[in-house]
Amino acid sequence: MKQQNAATSWEGCPFPTLAAAFIPPQSWEEIYTPEVALSRGTLFAQLDKPFIGERDDR
């Protein structure tokens, strides 16, 4: 039995599917002005979650 590794298992496959994403539609309820959206990184206020950074010193 021939053993395959990751490099040879894709041979002959021109466009392998590596992942698939599902993104639910976002409703246009409350949106930021363009200036605020650029500074916050999102147009939608519902997606604007505060970043609570914690270091992982493993």
Protein backbone atom coordinates (compact mmCIF):
# COMPACT_ATOMS: atom_id res chain seq x y z
CA MET A 1 0.00 0.00 0.00
CA LYS A 2 1.44 3.35 -1.06
CA GLN A 3 1.53 5.95 1.69
CA GLN A 4 0.34 9.45 0.72
CA ASN A 5 1.42 12.64 2.37
CA ALA A 6 -0.13 16.11 2.13
CA ALA A 7 2.10 17.10 -0.79
CA THR A 8 1.10 14.18 -3.01
CA SER A 9 -2.55 13.85 -2.04
CA TRP A 10 -3.49 17.01 -4.03
CA GLU A 11 -1.82 15.92 -7.25
CA GLY A 12 -4.18 16.01 -10.21
CA CYS A 13 -6.64 18.28 -8.43
CA PRO A 14 -6.53 21.70 -10.17
CA PHE A 15 -8.69 23.60 -7.65
CA PRO A 16 -8.89 21.87 -4.27
CA THR A 17 -11.56 23.15 -1.90
CA LEU A 18 -9.76 23.97 1.31
CA ALA A 19 -12.61 25.63 3.18
CA ALA A 20 -16.16 26.88 2.84
CA ALA A 21 -17.64 29.83 4.69
CA PHE A 22 -21.20 30.79 5.52
CA ILE A 23 -21.81 34.42 6.38
CA PRO A 24 -25.37 35.29 7.38
CA PRO A 25 -26.79 38.49 5.94
CA GLN A 26 -26.35 41.56 8.15
CA SER A 27 -29.40 43.74 8.63
CA TRP A 28 -28.96 47.48 8.14
CA GLU A 29 -30.37 48.50 11.52
CA GLU A 30 -27.87 50.95 12.99
CA ILE A 31 -24.88 51.99 10.88
CA TYR A 32 -22.02 54.33 11.61
CA THR A 33 -21.09 57.40 9.61
CA PRO A 34 -18.17 56.76 7.23
CA GLU A 35 -15.71 58.55 9.52
CA VAL A 36 -16.72 56.54 12.60
CA ALA A 37 -16.85 53.29 10.61
CA LEU A 38 -13.25 53.77 9.44
CA SER A 39 -12.02 54.41 12.96
CA ARG A 40 -13.98 51.50 14.50
CA GLY A 41 -13.30 48.98 11.72
CA THR A 42 -16.96 48.17 11.02
CA LEU A 43 -19.95 49.86 9.48
CA PHE A 44 -22.45 48.02 11.67
CA ALA A 45 -22.84 49.11 15.29
CA GLN A 46 -24.10 45.61 16.20
CA LEU A 47 -20.73 44.15 15.18
CA ASP A 48 -18.68 46.68 17.14
CA LYS A 49 -17.52 44.63 20.09
CA PRO A 50 -14.92 45.98 22.51
CA PHE A 51 -11.52 44.31 22.42
CA ILE A 52 -10.53 43.04 25.81
CA GLY A 53 -6.94 42.07 25.23
CA GLU A 54 -5.38 39.52 27.47
CA ARG A 55 -1.87 38.20 27.11
CA ASP A 56 -1.32 34.51 26.81
CA ASP A 57 2.11 33.87 28.29
CA ARG A 58 2.18 30.12 27.93
